[in-house]
Amino acid sequence: MRIAEITRKTNETNIVLRLNLDGTGVALLEYPIGFMAHMLNAFAKHGLFDIELRAQGDLEVDQHHLVEDTGITLGQAFTQALGERRGICRVGSCLYPMDETLARAACDLSGRGFLVFDTGISGIPLVSAGADGTSRPFQTDTIADFWQGFASACGCSLHLDILRGRSDHHKIEALFKAAARALRAACQIDSRNPSQIPSTKGTLDAQGIMIC
């Protein structure tokens, strides 16, 4: 069973995450940022990953700490669940169209964390109304921090691009769905090579990765 449980507690955030790589796409989320909860739910659904997540953060400062630490924690969970990465397909990619937007994701579970993020996201906050009618902006510039934290902690070379698009909401959502499907392909067991580590080096070790 490729399952991981990670607890990350700092002076800024408190995150508990359980990940099943071989799930059915169920997300059970207690997450205080509505837009990110929406993205994580889409990630689980399209990757067929089961995710249980409880998170708190210093939102009175801003959203950066919690969003970035969520990416780090998710990446650590992938590293733990994948183990020595024996038998995986290792690489995956996806072109994901969402209305006017076309997103591209490509990943290599190489053990080396690297992110290329070329998205044209404006950085202008997305604003929604809470149940009490108050405005709740989401800091779109934190999306790059989420994926940087994920790629570093996962030991994954990850390229995320928006080839065309207008809406920041569509760009971000298409990226999460494309990344989920690329990672789903990379994580799946290769039926032709289920017992070997897919590397001429003989290792895809990401255990030495330290994320503060």
N, C-alpha and C. Protein backbone atom coordinates (compact mmCIF):
# COMPACT_ATOMS: atom_id res chain seq x y z
N MET A 1 0.85 -1.19 0.00
CA MET A 1 0.00 0.00 0.00
C MET A 1 0.89 1.25 0.00
N ARG A 2 0.71 2.08 -1.00
CA ARG A 2 1.55 3.29 -1.10
C ARG A 2 0.81 4.45 -0.40
N ILE A 3 0.95 4.45 0.90
CA ILE A 3 0.26 5.40 1.75
C ILE A 3 1.28 6.13 2.60
N ALA A 4 1.06 7.42 2.82
CA ALA A 4 1.95 8.22 3.66
C ALA A 4 1.13 9.08 4.60
N GLU A 5 1.70 9.33 5.77
CA GLU A 5 1.11 10.25 6.73
C GLU A 5 2.20 11.21 7.19
N ILE A 6 1.94 12.50 7.01
CA ILE A 6 2.92 13.53 7.32
C ILE A 6 2.28 14.55 8.26
N THR A 7 3.02 14.92 9.29
CA THR A 7 2.63 16.04 10.15
C THR A 7 3.71 17.09 10.08
N ARG A 8 3.32 18.30 9.77
CA ARG A 8 4.27 19.42 9.69
C ARG A 8 3.76 20.53 10.60
N LYS A 9 4.51 20.82 11.65
CA LYS A 9 4.10 21.85 12.60
C LYS A 9 5.24 22.83 12.79
N THR A 10 4.97 24.08 12.51
CA THR A 10 5.95 25.15 12.70
C THR A 10 5.29 26.27 13.50
N ASN A 11 6.02 27.35 13.71
CA ASN A 11 5.44 28.51 14.37
C ASN A 11 4.41 29.21 13.50
N GLU A 12 4.37 28.83 12.21
CA GLU A 12 3.48 29.50 11.27
C GLU A 12 2.30 28.63 10.83
N THR A 13 2.50 27.31 10.78
CA THR A 13 1.46 26.43 10.26
C THR A 13 1.40 25.12 11.04
N ASN A 14 0.27 24.47 10.95
CA ASN A 14 0.08 23.14 11.53
C ASN A 14 -0.71 22.31 10.52
N ILE A 15 -0.05 21.32 9.92
CA ILE A 15 -0.64 20.56 8.82
C ILE A 15 -0.51 19.07 9.10
N VAL A 16 -1.61 18.35 8.95
CA VAL A 16 -1.62 16.89 9.04
C VAL A 16 -2.21 16.37 7.73
N LEU A 17 -1.47 15.51 7.04
CA LEU A 17 -1.88 15.04 5.71
C LEU A 17 -1.70 13.55 5.59
N ARG A 18 -2.68 12.88 5.04
CA ARG A 18 -2.61 11.45 4.71
C ARG A 18 -2.87 11.31 3.22
N LEU A 19 -2.00 10.55 2.55
CA LEU A 19 -2.05 10.39 1.09
C LEU A 19 -2.05 8.93 0.73
N ASN A 20 -2.96 8.54 -0.15
CA ASN A 20 -2.96 7.21 -0.76
C ASN A 20 -2.80 7.40 -2.26
N LEU A 21 -1.65 6.97 -2.78
CA LEU A 21 -1.39 7.15 -4.21
C LEU A 21 -2.32 6.30 -5.08
N ASP A 22 -2.83 5.21 -4.52
CA ASP A 22 -3.64 4.27 -5.30
C ASP A 22 -5.10 4.35 -4.85
N GLY A 23 -5.60 5.56 -4.76
CA GLY A 23 -6.95 5.77 -4.27
C GLY A 23 -7.97 5.88 -5.39
N THR A 24 -9.05 6.58 -5.07
CA THR A 24 -10.14 6.76 -6.02
C THR A 24 -10.47 8.24 -6.24
N GLY A 25 -9.64 9.13 -5.68
CA GLY A 25 -9.86 10.56 -5.89
C GLY A 25 -10.69 11.23 -4.82
N VAL A 26 -10.72 10.65 -3.62
CA VAL A 26 -11.49 11.22 -2.52
C VAL A 26 -10.63 12.22 -1.75
N ALA A 27 -11.17 13.42 -1.52
CA ALA A 27 -10.49 14.44 -0.75
C ALA A 27 -11.34 14.82 0.45
N LEU A 28 -10.79 14.66 1.64
CA LEU A 28 -11.44 15.08 2.88
C LEU A 28 -10.60 16.22 3.44
N LEU A 29 -11.09 17.43 3.30
CA LEU A 29 -10.27 18.61 3.54
C LEU A 29 -10.88 19.49 4.62
N GLU A 30 -10.06 19.84 5.60
CA GLU A 30 -10.38 20.90 6.55
C GLU A 30 -9.33 21.98 6.32
N TYR A 31 -9.64 22.89 5.41
CA TYR A 31 -8.65 23.84 4.92
C TYR A 31 -9.28 25.24 4.90
N PRO A 32 -8.63 26.23 5.50
CA PRO A 32 -9.27 27.52 5.71
C PRO A 32 -9.27 28.46 4.51
N ILE A 33 -8.64 28.07 3.41
CA ILE A 33 -8.62 28.91 2.21
C ILE A 33 -9.46 28.22 1.15
N GLY A 34 -10.63 28.76 0.88
CA GLY A 34 -11.59 28.09 0.01
C GLY A 34 -11.07 27.79 -1.38
N PHE A 35 -10.36 28.73 -1.98
CA PHE A 35 -9.88 28.51 -3.35
C PHE A 35 -8.87 27.37 -3.39
N MET A 36 -7.95 27.32 -2.41
CA MET A 36 -6.97 26.24 -2.39
C MET A 36 -7.63 24.90 -2.11
N ALA A 37 -8.67 24.89 -1.27
CA ALA A 37 -9.41 23.64 -1.04
C ALA A 37 -10.01 23.14 -2.36
N HIS A 38 -10.52 24.06 -3.15
CA HIS A 38 -11.08 23.72 -4.46
C HIS A 38 -10.00 23.12 -5.36
N MET A 39 -8.79 23.69 -5.35
CA MET A 39 -7.69 23.18 -6.17
C MET A 39 -7.23 21.81 -5.70
N LEU A 40 -7.13 21.62 -4.40
CA LEU A 40 -6.67 20.34 -3.86
C LEU A 40 -7.70 19.24 -4.12
N ASN A 41 -8.96 19.59 -4.08
CA ASN A 41 -10.01 18.63 -4.42
C ASN A 41 -9.90 18.20 -5.88
N ALA A 42 -9.65 19.17 -6.77
CA ALA A 42 -9.47 18.85 -8.19
C ALA A 42 -8.22 17.99 -8.40
N PHE A 43 -7.15 18.29 -7.67
CA PHE A 43 -5.91 17.52 -7.76
C PHE A 43 -6.16 16.06 -7.37
N ALA A 44 -6.86 15.86 -6.28
CA ALA A 44 -7.16 14.50 -5.84
C ALA A 44 -8.02 13.77 -6.87
N LYS A 45 -9.05 14.44 -7.36
CA LYS A 45 -9.99 13.82 -8.29
C LYS A 45 -9.31 13.39 -9.59
N HIS A 46 -8.47 14.26 -10.14
CA HIS A 46 -7.86 13.97 -11.44
C HIS A 46 -6.65 13.05 -11.31
N GLY A 47 -6.01 13.03 -10.14
CA GLY A 47 -4.89 12.12 -9.95
C GLY A 47 -5.29 10.77 -9.41
N LEU A 48 -6.56 10.63 -9.02
CA LEU A 48 -7.04 9.44 -8.31
C LEU A 48 -6.22 9.19 -7.05
N PHE A 49 -5.86 10.30 -6.39
CA PHE A 49 -5.19 10.24 -5.10
C PHE A 49 -6.22 10.48 -4.00
N ASP A 50 -6.16 9.69 -2.93
CA ASP A 50 -6.98 9.98 -1.76
C ASP A 50 -6.19 10.87 -0.82
N ILE A 51 -6.78 11.98 -0.43
CA ILE A 51 -6.10 12.95 0.42
C ILE A 51 -6.98 13.30 1.60
N GLU A 52 -6.44 13.17 2.79
CA GLU A 52 -7.06 13.68 4.00
C GLU A 52 -6.15 14.77 4.54
N LEU A 53 -6.71 15.96 4.75
CA LEU A 53 -5.87 17.11 5.10
C LEU A 53 -6.57 17.97 6.13
N ARG A 54 -5.84 18.27 7.21
CA ARG A 54 -6.27 19.26 8.19
C ARG A 54 -5.15 20.29 8.30
N ALA A 55 -5.51 21.55 8.17
CA ALA A 55 -4.47 22.58 8.12
C ALA A 55 -4.92 23.86 8.80
N GLN A 56 -3.98 24.48 9.49
CA GLN A 56 -4.18 25.80 10.08
C GLN A 56 -2.93 26.61 9.81
N GLY A 57 -3.09 27.92 9.72
CA GLY A 57 -1.94 28.78 9.48
C GLY A 57 -2.17 30.20 9.95
N ASP A 58 -1.12 30.98 9.91
CA ASP A 58 -1.17 32.37 10.39
C ASP A 58 -1.74 33.28 9.29
N LEU A 59 -3.00 33.09 8.98
CA LEU A 59 -3.63 33.85 7.90
C LEU A 59 -3.75 35.33 8.25
N GLU A 60 -3.59 35.67 9.52
CA GLU A 60 -3.56 37.08 9.87
C GLU A 60 -2.31 37.78 9.34
N VAL A 61 -1.29 36.99 9.00
CA VAL A 61 -0.08 37.54 8.36
C VAL A 61 -0.33 37.64 6.87
N ASP A 62 -0.46 36.50 6.22
CA ASP A 62 -0.96 36.38 4.84
C ASP A 62 -1.11 34.90 4.53
N GLN A 63 -1.41 34.56 3.29
CA GLN A 63 -1.67 33.16 2.93
C GLN A 63 -0.42 32.40 2.51
N HIS A 64 0.67 33.11 2.36
CA HIS A 64 1.89 32.50 1.80
C HIS A 64 2.36 31.30 2.61
N HIS A 65 2.47 31.45 3.93
CA HIS A 65 3.04 30.38 4.75
C HIS A 65 2.24 29.10 4.62
N LEU A 66 0.91 29.20 4.71
CA LEU A 66 0.09 27.99 4.67
C LEU A 66 0.08 27.35 3.30
N VAL A 67 -0.02 28.15 2.24
CA VAL A 67 -0.05 27.58 0.88
C VAL A 67 1.28 26.91 0.56
N GLU A 68 2.39 27.58 0.85
CA GLU A 68 3.70 26.99 0.57
C GLU A 68 3.92 25.72 1.40
N ASP A 69 3.59 25.77 2.69
CA ASP A 69 3.80 24.60 3.54
C ASP A 69 2.90 23.44 3.15
N THR A 70 1.74 23.74 2.59
CA THR A 70 0.88 22.67 2.08
C THR A 70 1.56 21.97 0.91
N GLY A 71 2.17 22.73 0.01
CA GLY A 71 2.91 22.13 -1.10
C GLY A 71 4.06 21.28 -0.61
N ILE A 72 4.80 21.77 0.40
CA ILE A 72 5.91 21.02 0.97
C ILE A 72 5.41 19.71 1.58
N THR A 73 4.34 19.79 2.36
CA THR A 73 3.82 18.60 3.03
C THR A 73 3.31 17.58 2.02
N LEU A 74 2.64 18.04 0.98
CA LEU A 74 2.16 17.12 -0.06
C LEU A 74 3.34 16.46 -0.77
N GLY A 75 4.38 17.23 -1.05
CA GLY A 75 5.57 16.66 -1.68
C GLY A 75 6.25 15.64 -0.79
N GLN A 76 6.32 15.91 0.51
CA GLN A 76 6.91 14.95 1.45
C GLN A 76 6.09 13.66 1.49
N ALA A 77 4.77 13.80 1.39
CA ALA A 77 3.91 12.62 1.38
C ALA A 77 4.15 11.77 0.14
N PHE A 78 4.31 12.40 -1.01
CA PHE A 78 4.63 11.65 -2.23
C PHE A 78 5.96 10.91 -2.06
N THR A 79 6.96 11.58 -1.51
CA THR A 79 8.27 10.95 -1.31
C THR A 79 8.15 9.74 -0.40
N GLN A 80 7.41 9.88 0.70
CA GLN A 80 7.25 8.77 1.63
C GLN A 80 6.48 7.62 0.99
N ALA A 81 5.39 7.94 0.29
CA ALA A 81 4.56 6.90 -0.30
C ALA A 81 5.27 6.16 -1.44
N LEU A 82 6.11 6.85 -2.18
CA LEU A 82 6.81 6.24 -3.31
C LEU A 82 7.97 5.36 -2.87
N GLY A 83 8.49 5.59 -1.66
CA GLY A 83 9.61 4.79 -1.18
C GLY A 83 10.82 4.89 -2.09
N GLU A 84 11.38 3.75 -2.48
CA GLU A 84 12.55 3.79 -3.37
C GLU A 84 12.16 3.94 -4.84
N ARG A 85 10.87 4.09 -5.11
CA ARG A 85 10.35 4.37 -6.45
C ARG A 85 10.53 3.20 -7.41
N ARG A 86 10.58 2.03 -6.86
CA ARG A 86 10.74 0.82 -7.66
C ARG A 86 9.48 0.54 -8.48
N GLY A 87 9.66 0.26 -9.78
CA GLY A 87 8.57 -0.16 -10.63
C GLY A 87 7.70 0.95 -11.20
N ILE A 88 7.95 2.21 -10.82
CA ILE A 88 7.08 3.28 -11.31
C ILE A 88 7.43 3.64 -12.75
N CYS A 89 6.49 4.25 -13.43
CA CYS A 89 6.75 4.72 -14.79
C CYS A 89 7.71 5.92 -14.79
N ARG A 90 7.75 6.64 -13.70
CA ARG A 90 8.69 7.71 -13.42
C ARG A 90 8.34 9.04 -14.07
N VAL A 91 7.94 9.05 -15.34
CA VAL A 91 7.64 10.31 -16.02
C VAL A 91 6.18 10.33 -16.45
N GLY A 92 5.66 11.53 -16.56
CA GLY A 92 4.29 11.69 -17.02
C GLY A 92 4.07 13.09 -17.54
N SER A 93 3.07 13.26 -18.38
CA SER A 93 2.77 14.59 -18.92
C SER A 93 1.28 14.67 -19.24
N CYS A 94 0.80 15.90 -19.35
CA CYS A 94 -0.60 16.10 -19.68
C CYS A 94 -0.79 17.48 -20.30
N LEU A 95 -1.56 17.53 -21.37
CA LEU A 95 -2.10 18.78 -21.90
C LEU A 95 -3.55 18.86 -21.45
N TYR A 96 -3.89 19.92 -20.72
CA TYR A 96 -5.23 19.99 -20.16
C TYR A 96 -5.93 21.27 -20.64
N PRO A 97 -6.98 21.12 -21.46
CA PRO A 97 -7.75 22.28 -21.91
C PRO A 97 -8.87 22.60 -20.92
N MET A 98 -9.04 23.87 -20.62
CA MET A 98 -10.15 24.32 -19.78
C MET A 98 -10.69 25.60 -20.38
N ASP A 99 -11.75 25.47 -21.16
CA ASP A 99 -12.32 26.60 -21.88
C ASP A 99 -11.24 27.28 -22.71
N GLU A 100 -10.96 28.55 -22.45
CA GLU A 100 -9.98 29.30 -23.26
C GLU A 100 -8.54 28.99 -22.89
N THR A 101 -8.34 28.23 -21.81
CA THR A 101 -7.01 27.99 -21.26
C THR A 101 -6.50 26.61 -21.68
N LEU A 102 -5.20 26.55 -21.98
CA LEU A 102 -4.53 25.28 -22.24
C LEU A 102 -3.30 25.20 -21.35
N ALA A 103 -3.29 24.22 -20.46
CA ALA A 103 -2.19 24.03 -19.52
C ALA A 103 -1.38 22.80 -19.91
N ARG A 104 -0.09 22.86 -19.62
CA ARG A 104 0.80 21.71 -19.87
C ARG A 104 1.59 21.41 -18.60
N ALA A 105 1.62 20.14 -18.23
CA ALA A 105 2.42 19.69 -17.10
C ALA A 105 3.25 18.50 -17.53
N ALA A 106 4.51 18.49 -17.13
CA ALA A 106 5.39 17.36 -17.37
C ALA A 106 6.24 17.15 -16.13
N CYS A 107 6.38 15.90 -15.71
CA CYS A 107 7.12 15.63 -14.48
C CYS A 107 8.01 14.41 -14.64
N ASP A 108 9.09 14.42 -13.86
CA ASP A 108 10.02 13.30 -13.77
C ASP A 108 10.31 13.08 -12.29
N LEU A 109 9.92 11.93 -11.77
CA LEU A 109 10.17 11.61 -10.36
C LEU A 109 11.60 11.11 -10.21
N SER A 110 12.51 12.00 -10.50
CA SER A 110 13.93 11.68 -10.62
C SER A 110 14.67 11.65 -9.29
N GLY A 111 14.04 12.18 -8.24
CA GLY A 111 14.74 12.37 -6.98
C GLY A 111 15.38 13.74 -6.87
N ARG A 112 15.31 14.52 -7.95
CA ARG A 112 15.90 15.86 -7.97
C ARG A 112 14.77 16.87 -8.13
N GLY A 113 14.67 17.76 -7.18
CA GLY A 113 13.61 18.76 -7.21
C GLY A 113 13.96 19.94 -8.08
N PHE A 114 13.10 20.24 -9.04
CA PHE A 114 13.32 21.41 -9.90
C PHE A 114 11.97 21.84 -10.46
N LEU A 115 11.70 23.12 -10.44
CA LEU A 115 10.44 23.64 -10.96
C LEU A 115 10.68 24.66 -12.05
N VAL A 116 9.99 24.51 -13.17
CA VAL A 116 9.86 25.55 -14.18
C VAL A 116 8.39 25.95 -14.19
N PHE A 117 8.12 27.23 -13.97
CA PHE A 117 6.76 27.72 -13.78
C PHE A 117 6.57 28.93 -14.69
N ASP A 118 5.96 28.70 -15.84
CA ASP A 118 5.78 29.75 -16.85
C ASP A 118 4.29 29.82 -17.17
N THR A 119 3.58 30.67 -16.44
CA THR A 119 2.12 30.59 -16.45
C THR A 119 1.40 31.88 -16.80
N GLY A 120 2.04 33.01 -16.67
CA GLY A 120 1.37 34.26 -16.95
C GLY A 120 0.25 34.60 -15.99
N ILE A 121 0.25 33.97 -14.80
CA ILE A 121 -0.74 34.33 -13.79
C ILE A 121 -0.46 35.76 -13.33
N SER A 122 -1.50 36.56 -13.27
CA SER A 122 -1.32 38.00 -13.10
C SER A 122 -0.83 38.40 -11.71
N GLY A 123 -1.12 37.61 -10.69
CA GLY A 123 -0.80 38.00 -9.33
C GLY A 123 -1.90 38.84 -8.69
N ILE A 124 -2.92 39.19 -9.45
CA ILE A 124 -4.06 39.94 -8.90
C ILE A 124 -4.92 38.98 -8.08
N PRO A 125 -5.26 39.33 -6.83
CA PRO A 125 -6.05 38.41 -6.00
C PRO A 125 -7.40 38.09 -6.63
N LEU A 126 -7.83 36.84 -6.44
CA LEU A 126 -9.18 36.43 -6.81
C LEU A 126 -10.07 36.64 -5.58
N VAL A 127 -11.18 37.30 -5.76
CA VAL A 127 -12.02 37.67 -4.63
C VAL A 127 -13.33 36.91 -4.69
N SER A 128 -13.68 36.29 -3.57
CA SER A 128 -14.97 35.63 -3.43
C SER A 128 -15.62 36.11 -2.15
N ALA A 129 -16.89 35.82 -2.01
CA ALA A 129 -17.62 36.22 -0.81
C ALA A 129 -17.77 35.04 0.13
N GLY A 130 -17.48 35.26 1.41
CA GLY A 130 -17.70 34.24 2.41
C GLY A 130 -19.18 34.13 2.75
N ALA A 131 -19.49 33.16 3.63
CA ALA A 131 -20.88 32.95 4.02
C ALA A 131 -21.47 34.18 4.71
N ASP A 132 -20.59 34.97 5.33
CA ASP A 132 -21.06 36.18 6.02
C ASP A 132 -21.10 37.39 5.10
N GLY A 133 -20.79 37.19 3.82
CA GLY A 133 -20.85 38.28 2.87
C GLY A 133 -19.58 39.09 2.75
N THR A 134 -18.57 38.81 3.55
CA THR A 134 -17.33 39.56 3.49
C THR A 134 -16.45 39.06 2.35
N SER A 135 -15.64 39.96 1.81
CA SER A 135 -14.74 39.60 0.71
C SER A 135 -13.57 38.77 1.24
N ARG A 136 -13.22 37.75 0.49
CA ARG A 136 -12.11 36.87 0.88
C ARG A 136 -11.17 36.71 -0.33
N PRO A 137 -10.15 37.54 -0.43
CA PRO A 137 -9.24 37.45 -1.58
C PRO A 137 -8.27 36.27 -1.45
N PHE A 138 -7.95 35.66 -2.58
CA PHE A 138 -6.92 34.63 -2.61
C PHE A 138 -5.70 35.19 -3.32
N GLN A 139 -4.54 35.03 -2.71
CA GLN A 139 -3.28 35.56 -3.25
C GLN A 139 -2.76 34.60 -4.33
N THR A 140 -3.01 34.94 -5.57
CA THR A 140 -2.65 34.04 -6.67
C THR A 140 -1.14 33.86 -6.82
N ASP A 141 -0.36 34.81 -6.30
CA ASP A 141 1.10 34.67 -6.44
C ASP A 141 1.64 33.54 -5.56
N THR A 142 0.83 33.00 -4.64
CA THR A 142 1.30 31.90 -3.81
C THR A 142 1.28 30.56 -4.53
N ILE A 143 0.65 30.50 -5.70
CA ILE A 143 0.59 29.23 -6.43
C ILE A 143 1.99 28.77 -6.83
N ALA A 144 2.84 29.69 -7.25
CA ALA A 144 4.22 29.31 -7.59
C ALA A 144 4.94 28.78 -6.36
N ASP A 145 4.67 29.36 -5.18
CA ASP A 145 5.31 28.89 -3.95
C ASP A 145 4.83 27.48 -3.60
N PHE A 146 3.55 27.20 -3.81
CA PHE A 146 3.02 25.86 -3.57
C PHE A 146 3.79 24.83 -4.41
N TRP A 147 3.90 25.10 -5.70
CA TRP A 147 4.52 24.11 -6.58
C TRP A 147 6.03 24.03 -6.38
N GLN A 148 6.67 25.14 -5.99
CA GLN A 148 8.10 25.08 -5.67
C GLN A 148 8.32 24.19 -4.45
N GLY A 149 7.49 24.37 -3.43
CA GLY A 149 7.60 23.53 -2.24
C GLY A 149 7.34 22.06 -2.57
N PHE A 150 6.35 21.81 -3.40
CA PHE A 150 6.03 20.43 -3.77
C PHE A 150 7.19 19.78 -4.52
N ALA A 151 7.68 20.45 -5.56
CA ALA A 151 8.73 19.87 -6.39
C ALA A 151 9.98 19.57 -5.57
N SER A 152 10.34 20.49 -4.68
CA SER A 152 11.55 20.30 -3.87
C SER A 152 11.38 19.12 -2.91
N ALA A 153 10.23 19.05 -2.23
CA ALA A 153 10.02 18.01 -1.24
C ALA A 153 9.75 16.65 -1.88
N CYS A 154 9.19 16.64 -3.07
CA CYS A 154 8.89 15.40 -3.78
C CYS A 154 10.11 14.83 -4.49
N GLY A 155 11.12 15.67 -4.74
CA GLY A 155 12.23 15.22 -5.58
C GLY A 155 11.75 14.99 -6.99
N CYS A 156 11.12 16.03 -7.53
CA CYS A 156 10.44 15.91 -8.82
C CYS A 156 10.85 17.07 -9.72
N SER A 157 11.26 16.77 -10.92
CA SER A 157 11.42 17.81 -11.94
C SER A 157 10.04 18.07 -12.52
N LEU A 158 9.56 19.31 -12.37
CA LEU A 158 8.19 19.62 -12.72
C LEU A 158 8.15 20.87 -13.59
N HIS A 159 7.58 20.74 -14.76
CA HIS A 159 7.43 21.86 -15.68
C HIS A 159 5.93 22.16 -15.81
N LEU A 160 5.56 23.38 -15.46
CA LEU A 160 4.17 23.82 -15.54
C LEU A 160 4.09 25.05 -16.42
N ASP A 161 3.30 24.96 -17.47
CA ASP A 161 3.19 26.05 -18.43
C ASP A 161 1.73 26.30 -18.78
N ILE A 162 1.39 27.57 -18.98
CA ILE A 162 0.12 27.93 -19.59
C ILE A 162 0.42 28.36 -21.02
N LEU A 163 -0.08 27.60 -21.98
CA LEU A 163 0.19 27.88 -23.39
C LEU A 163 -0.70 29.01 -23.91
N ARG A 164 -1.91 29.10 -23.36
CA ARG A 164 -2.80 30.22 -23.67
C ARG A 164 -3.85 30.30 -22.57
N GLY A 165 -4.45 31.45 -22.42
CA GLY A 165 -5.48 31.59 -21.40
C GLY A 165 -5.75 33.03 -21.06
N ARG A 166 -6.88 33.28 -20.45
CA ARG A 166 -7.28 34.62 -20.03
C ARG A 166 -7.54 34.67 -18.52
N SER A 167 -8.38 33.77 -18.03
CA SER A 167 -8.81 33.79 -16.63
C SER A 167 -7.76 33.17 -15.72
N ASP A 168 -7.36 33.91 -14.67
CA ASP A 168 -6.42 33.35 -13.69
C ASP A 168 -7.00 32.12 -13.01
N HIS A 169 -8.30 32.14 -12.74
CA HIS A 169 -8.95 30.97 -12.14
C HIS A 169 -8.77 29.76 -13.04
N HIS A 170 -9.04 29.91 -14.32
CA HIS A 170 -8.89 28.80 -15.25
C HIS A 170 -7.44 28.35 -15.36
N LYS A 171 -6.53 29.31 -15.40
CA LYS A 171 -5.11 28.96 -15.50
C LYS A 171 -4.67 28.11 -14.32
N ILE A 172 -5.01 28.53 -13.12
CA ILE A 172 -4.58 27.81 -11.92
C ILE A 172 -5.25 26.45 -11.84
N GLU A 173 -6.54 26.40 -12.11
CA GLU A 173 -7.25 25.12 -12.01
C GLU A 173 -6.77 24.14 -13.07
N ALA A 174 -6.54 24.62 -14.28
CA ALA A 174 -6.02 23.74 -15.33
C ALA A 174 -4.64 23.21 -14.97
N LEU A 175 -3.82 24.04 -14.32
CA LEU A 175 -2.49 23.59 -13.89
C LEU A 175 -2.60 22.47 -12.87
N PHE A 176 -3.48 22.60 -11.89
CA PHE A 176 -3.63 21.57 -10.88
C PHE A 176 -4.12 20.26 -11.50
N LYS A 177 -5.05 20.36 -12.44
CA LYS A 177 -5.57 19.15 -13.07
C LYS A 177 -4.52 18.51 -13.97
N ALA A 178 -3.78 19.32 -14.71
CA ALA A 178 -2.72 18.79 -15.57
C ALA A 178 -1.63 18.13 -14.73
N ALA A 179 -1.22 18.80 -13.64
CA ALA A 179 -0.18 18.25 -12.77
C ALA A 179 -0.63 16.94 -12.15
N ALA A 180 -1.89 16.88 -11.73
CA ALA A 180 -2.41 15.65 -11.13
C ALA A 180 -2.34 14.49 -12.10
N ARG A 181 -2.73 14.73 -13.35
CA ARG A 181 -2.74 13.65 -14.33
C ARG A 181 -1.33 13.26 -14.74
N ALA A 182 -0.42 14.22 -14.81
CA ALA A 182 0.98 13.90 -15.11
C ALA A 182 1.59 13.08 -13.98
N LEU A 183 1.32 13.46 -12.74
CA LEU A 183 1.85 12.71 -11.60
C LEU A 183 1.20 11.33 -11.49
N ARG A 184 -0.07 11.25 -11.79
CA ARG A 184 -0.76 9.95 -11.80
C ARG A 184 -0.07 8.99 -12.76
N ALA A 185 0.28 9.48 -13.96
CA ALA A 185 0.97 8.64 -14.94
C ALA A 185 2.37 8.26 -14.47
N ALA A 186 3.07 9.21 -13.85
CA ALA A 186 4.43 8.95 -13.39
C ALA A 186 4.47 7.98 -12.22
N CYS A 187 3.46 8.04 -11.35
CA CYS A 187 3.43 7.20 -10.15
C CYS A 187 2.95 5.78 -10.42
N GLN A 188 2.25 5.57 -11.52
CA GLN A 188 1.67 4.25 -11.73
C GLN A 188 2.77 3.20 -11.95
N ILE A 189 2.45 1.97 -11.58
CA ILE A 189 3.41 0.88 -11.72
C ILE A 189 3.47 0.44 -13.18
N ASP A 190 4.68 0.33 -13.69
CA ASP A 190 4.91 -0.09 -15.08
C ASP A 190 4.73 -1.60 -15.17
N SER A 191 3.71 -2.05 -15.88
CA SER A 191 3.42 -3.48 -15.95
C SER A 191 4.54 -4.27 -16.63
N ARG A 192 5.35 -3.60 -17.43
CA ARG A 192 6.45 -4.29 -18.12
C ARG A 192 7.72 -4.33 -17.27
N ASN A 193 7.75 -3.50 -16.21
CA ASN A 193 8.97 -3.39 -15.43
C ASN A 193 8.63 -3.12 -13.96
N PRO A 194 7.83 -4.00 -13.34
CA PRO A 194 7.29 -3.68 -12.02
C PRO A 194 8.25 -3.83 -10.86
N SER A 195 9.40 -4.44 -11.08
CA SER A 195 10.30 -4.73 -9.96
C SER A 195 11.62 -3.98 -10.02
N GLN A 196 11.82 -3.19 -11.07
CA GLN A 196 13.09 -2.49 -11.24
C GLN A 196 12.95 -1.00 -10.96
N ILE A 197 14.02 -0.39 -10.52
CA ILE A 197 14.06 1.06 -10.38
C ILE A 197 14.39 1.65 -11.75
N PRO A 198 13.54 2.53 -12.28
CA PRO A 198 13.73 3.02 -13.65
C PRO A 198 14.81 4.09 -13.76
N SER A 199 16.04 3.67 -13.56
CA SER A 199 17.17 4.59 -13.67
C SER A 199 18.43 3.80 -13.98
N THR A 200 19.27 4.33 -14.86
CA THR A 200 20.54 3.68 -15.14
C THR A 200 21.48 3.77 -13.94
N LYS A 201 21.20 4.71 -13.02
CA LYS A 201 22.00 4.84 -11.80
C LYS A 201 21.67 3.73 -10.80
N GLY A 202 20.47 3.16 -10.93
CA GLY A 202 20.04 2.15 -9.99
C GLY A 202 19.37 2.72 -8.75
N THR A 203 19.18 4.04 -8.73
CA THR A 203 18.52 4.67 -7.58
C THR A 203 17.81 5.93 -8.03
N LEU A 204 16.69 6.19 -7.38
CA LEU A 204 15.97 7.46 -7.53
C LEU A 204 15.77 8.05 -6.14
N ASP A 205 16.81 8.00 -5.35
CA ASP A 205 16.73 8.36 -3.94
C ASP A 205 16.41 9.82 -3.75
N ALA A 206 15.33 10.10 -3.04
CA ALA A 206 14.99 11.48 -2.66
C ALA A 206 14.97 11.64 -1.15
N GLN A 207 15.49 10.63 -0.43
CA GLN A 207 15.38 10.65 1.03
C GLN A 207 16.25 11.73 1.66
N GLY A 208 17.28 12.18 0.94
CA GLY A 208 18.16 13.20 1.50
C GLY A 208 17.61 14.61 1.43
N ILE A 209 16.45 14.79 0.81
CA ILE A 209 15.88 16.12 0.64
C ILE A 209 15.41 16.66 1.99
N MET A 210 15.85 17.85 2.34
CA MET A 210 15.43 18.50 3.57
C MET A 210 14.74 19.80 3.22
N ILE A 211 13.54 19.98 3.75
CA ILE A 211 12.77 21.19 3.51
C ILE A 211 12.46 21.83 4.85
N CYS A 212 12.82 23.08 5.03
CA CYS A 212 12.57 23.78 6.28
C CYS A 212 11.24 24.54 6.22
